[in-house]
Amino acid sequence: MSSKGGTGKTTSAVSLAMVLHRLGRTLAVDCDPQGSLMSWSEAALERGSPLPFTVVSMATRDVHVRLADLGAGYEHVIVDAPPGDLGIIRSAILASATVLVPVSPTGLDLNRIRPTFEILAEIGVSHPVDVGVLLTKVRRGTRSAREARAILAEHGYPAMNTEIPLAEHFAGSFGSVPSILGQYWELLAELRK
């Protein structure tokens, strides 16, 4: 979840849902009024390769209430939150036990995660969640990745060890069933520690 767009939230949601689907029945919830996850699912269906997990649209500020019933029967639920709509983001956090905040290692993206962490702090009093910042679109071994980690540490934001590289297969994966999932398997293993 992140209040900024273009950070890899939907790509990460689809890829993580693919990994989880291989382990059990998975539901992916599109909370973005722009419908990015639903559009991905529809494009995959039109190409003749539908996503193998259930995708529903729920761009409302009561996601946490609706998911209480809808999520029953699923082993895993992934929520793809929108950029900018703090009410929906707040509700999505209330529906979650773990929150990933995807962010690319740029100054603007790093600056824009503060509102998400403010909401997490506010909600954490009554609804604690595990939180991790997932660096996306990373050029391995670059100064920008190291500097991003330093900035996250300076602000006390918990960075995941797993990084999602800036790679053509991620950039061109919209509307397809992801097949290169190595980093998301690593991410899942890290989340389960």
Protein backbone atom coordinates (compact mmCIF):
# COMPACT_ATOMS: atom_id res chain seq x y z
CA MET A 1 0.00 0.00 0.00
CA SER A 2 1.30 3.38 -0.88
CA SER A 3 -0.33 6.71 -1.43
CA LYS A 4 1.76 7.24 -4.58
CA GLY A 5 1.00 5.71 -7.97
CA GLY A 6 3.52 4.01 -10.25
CA THR A 7 5.41 2.23 -7.49
CA GLY A 8 4.64 -1.33 -8.58
CA LYS A 9 1.69 -2.00 -6.27
CA THR A 10 -0.45 -3.82 -8.85
CA THR A 11 2.45 -5.74 -10.40
CA SER A 12 3.49 -6.84 -6.92
CA ALA A 13 -0.09 -7.73 -5.97
CA VAL A 14 -0.52 -9.92 -9.08
CA SER A 15 2.89 -11.56 -8.69
CA LEU A 16 2.44 -12.25 -4.99
CA ALA A 17 -1.07 -13.59 -5.63
CA MET A 18 0.43 -15.96 -8.23
CA VAL A 19 2.90 -17.29 -5.66
CA LEU A 20 0.22 -17.65 -2.99
CA HIS A 21 -2.19 -19.27 -5.46
CA ARG A 22 0.30 -22.11 -5.86
CA LEU A 23 -0.01 -22.70 -2.12
CA GLY A 24 -3.77 -22.38 -1.72
CA ARG A 25 -6.99 -20.69 -2.80
CA THR A 26 -6.27 -16.97 -3.28
CA LEU A 27 -8.44 -13.87 -3.62
CA ALA A 28 -7.07 -10.62 -5.05
CA VAL A 29 -9.06 -7.49 -4.21
CA ASP A 30 -8.78 -4.40 -6.39
CA CYS A 31 -9.42 -1.39 -4.15
CA ASP A 32 -8.26 1.13 -6.74
CA PRO A 33 -11.09 3.20 -8.29
CA GLN A 34 -8.98 3.20 -11.49
CA GLY A 35 -9.36 -0.60 -11.55
CA SER A 36 -5.77 -1.51 -12.40
CA LEU A 37 -5.99 -5.06 -11.06
CA MET A 38 -9.39 -5.67 -12.69
CA SER A 39 -8.03 -4.33 -15.99
CA TRP A 40 -5.07 -6.69 -15.70
CA SER A 41 -7.41 -9.62 -15.04
CA GLU A 42 -9.69 -8.70 -17.96
CA ALA A 43 -6.74 -8.30 -20.34
CA ALA A 44 -5.38 -11.70 -19.32
CA LEU A 45 -8.80 -13.27 -19.93
CA GLU A 46 -9.02 -11.63 -23.37
CA ARG A 47 -5.61 -13.08 -24.23
CA GLY A 48 -6.90 -16.53 -23.38
CA SER A 49 -4.82 -16.98 -20.22
CA PRO A 50 -6.94 -15.91 -17.26
CA LEU A 51 -5.34 -15.29 -13.90
CA PRO A 52 -5.65 -18.50 -11.85
CA PHE A 53 -6.92 -16.77 -8.73
CA THR A 54 -10.14 -14.88 -8.04
CA VAL A 55 -10.12 -11.12 -8.65
CA VAL A 56 -12.85 -8.79 -7.35
CA SER A 57 -13.30 -5.03 -7.37
CA MET A 58 -13.94 -3.29 -4.07
CA ALA A 59 -12.97 0.38 -4.31
CA THR A 60 -14.79 1.41 -1.17
CA ARG A 61 -13.94 2.84 2.21
CA ASP A 62 -15.44 -0.17 4.00
CA VAL A 63 -13.19 -2.86 2.52
CA HIS A 64 -12.40 -4.18 5.99
CA VAL A 65 -16.11 -4.77 6.67
CA ARG A 66 -16.88 -6.37 3.29
CA LEU A 67 -13.81 -8.61 3.32
CA ALA A 68 -14.77 -10.10 6.66
CA ASP A 69 -17.37 -12.22 4.82
CA LEU A 70 -15.97 -12.29 1.28
CA GLY A 71 -12.54 -13.54 2.38
CA ALA A 72 -14.00 -16.66 4.03
CA GLY A 73 -13.02 -19.79 2.14
CA TYR A 74 -9.76 -18.33 0.86
CA GLU A 75 -6.40 -19.22 2.34
CA HIS A 76 -4.83 -15.99 1.10
CA VAL A 77 -6.21 -12.52 0.39
CA ILE A 78 -4.19 -9.86 -1.42
CA VAL A 79 -5.46 -6.27 -1.35
CA ASP A 80 -4.25 -3.86 -4.05
CA ALA A 81 -4.76 -0.37 -2.63
CA PRO A 82 -5.13 2.80 -4.68
CA PRO A 83 -2.80 5.76 -4.82
CA GLY A 84 -4.01 8.90 -3.10
CA ASP A 85 -7.29 7.78 -1.52
CA LEU A 86 -6.35 7.70 2.15
CA GLY A 87 -9.85 6.55 3.18
CA ILE A 88 -9.63 3.41 1.07
CA ILE A 89 -6.00 2.87 2.13
CA ARG A 90 -7.06 3.13 5.78
CA SER A 91 -9.82 0.56 5.25
CA ALA A 92 -7.47 -1.76 3.35
CA ILE A 93 -5.02 -1.62 6.26
CA LEU A 94 -7.84 -2.51 8.66
CA ALA A 95 -8.54 -5.56 6.47
CA SER A 96 -4.92 -6.72 6.62
CA ALA A 97 -2.52 -8.49 8.95
CA THR A 98 0.53 -7.62 6.83
CA VAL A 99 1.09 -4.45 4.82
CA LEU A 100 3.68 -4.11 2.06
CA VAL A 101 4.54 -0.60 0.93
CA PRO A 102 6.10 -0.81 -2.56
CA VAL A 103 8.40 2.08 -3.39
CA SER A 104 10.96 2.69 -6.08
CA PRO A 105 14.32 4.08 -4.93
CA THR A 106 13.71 7.68 -5.99
CA GLY A 107 13.50 10.74 -3.78
CA LEU A 108 9.92 11.50 -4.81
CA ASP A 109 8.66 7.97 -4.13
CA LEU A 110 10.46 7.78 -0.80
CA ASN A 111 9.03 11.16 0.19
CA ARG A 112 5.49 10.07 -0.65
CA ILE A 113 5.33 7.07 1.68
CA ARG A 114 5.03 9.24 4.76
CA PRO A 115 1.19 9.51 4.58
CA THR A 116 0.95 5.72 4.50
CA PHE A 117 3.11 5.41 7.61
CA GLU A 118 1.10 8.12 9.35
CA ILE A 119 -2.05 6.06 8.76
CA LEU A 120 -0.26 2.90 9.90
CA ALA A 121 0.79 4.63 13.13
CA GLU A 122 -2.73 5.90 13.74
CA ILE A 123 -4.36 2.53 13.08
CA GLY A 124 -1.60 0.56 14.80
CA VAL A 125 -2.89 1.60 18.21
CA SER A 126 -6.01 -0.56 17.81
CA HIS A 127 -5.08 -2.73 14.81
CA PRO A 128 -1.38 -3.64 14.76
CA VAL A 129 -0.06 -5.01 11.47
CA ASP A 130 3.30 -6.27 10.26
CA VAL A 131 4.78 -3.73 7.84
CA GLY A 132 7.54 -3.89 5.28
CA VAL A 133 8.74 -1.51 2.59
CA LEU A 134 9.36 -3.36 -0.66
CA LEU A 135 11.89 -1.68 -2.92
CA THR A 136 10.73 -2.04 -6.53
CA LYS A 137 12.25 -1.07 -9.86
CA VAL A 138 15.71 -1.47 -8.35
CA ARG A 139 18.88 -1.41 -10.40
CA ARG A 140 20.98 -3.81 -8.37
CA GLY A 141 24.16 -2.53 -6.84
CA THR A 142 23.41 1.10 -7.61
CA ARG A 143 23.87 4.07 -5.35
CA SER A 144 20.14 4.83 -5.52
CA ALA A 145 19.26 1.49 -3.91
CA ARG A 146 21.80 1.96 -1.12
CA GLU A 147 20.66 5.54 -0.54
CA ALA A 148 17.01 4.46 -0.47
CA ARG A 149 17.80 1.91 2.24
CA ALA A 150 19.65 4.57 4.23
CA ILE A 151 16.68 6.96 3.98
CA LEU A 152 14.24 4.23 5.04
CA ALA A 153 16.44 3.36 8.02
CA GLU A 154 16.80 7.02 8.97
CA HIS A 155 13.00 7.35 9.17
CA GLY A 156 12.52 4.01 10.90
CA TYR A 157 10.68 2.45 7.96
CA PRO A 158 11.23 -1.33 7.93
CA ALA A 159 12.74 -2.30 4.57
CA MET A 160 12.37 -5.83 3.26
CA ASN A 161 15.61 -7.55 2.27
CA THR A 162 13.98 -8.71 -0.97
CA GLU A 163 14.16 -6.25 -3.84
CA ILE A 164 12.20 -6.30 -7.08
CA PRO A 165 14.51 -5.43 -9.96
CA LEU A 166 13.85 -2.98 -12.73
CA ALA A 167 13.30 -5.59 -15.42
CA GLU A 168 11.59 -5.70 -18.79
CA HIS A 169 9.53 -8.77 -17.85
CA PHE A 170 7.89 -6.80 -15.02
CA ALA A 171 7.40 -3.69 -17.13
CA GLY A 172 5.73 -5.66 -19.93
CA SER A 173 3.73 -8.09 -17.80
CA PHE A 174 0.40 -6.21 -17.71
CA GLY A 175 -2.43 -8.47 -18.84
CA SER A 176 -0.43 -11.66 -18.60
CA VAL A 177 -0.06 -14.47 -16.11
CA PRO A 178 3.32 -13.77 -14.49
CA SER A 179 5.80 -16.58 -14.95
CA ILE A 180 9.04 -15.13 -13.54
CA LEU A 181 8.35 -15.07 -9.83
CA GLY A 182 11.71 -15.74 -8.16
CA GLN A 183 11.83 -12.50 -6.21
CA TYR A 184 8.23 -12.96 -5.05
CA TRP A 185 9.00 -16.44 -3.73
CA GLU A 186 11.90 -14.81 -1.84
CA LEU A 187 9.53 -12.12 -0.58
CA LEU A 188 7.03 -14.72 0.64
CA ALA A 189 9.77 -16.62 2.46
CA GLU A 190 10.88 -13.38 4.10
CA LEU A 191 7.31 -12.48 5.10
CA ARG A 192 6.85 -15.88 6.74
CA LYS A 193 9.93 -15.55 8.98
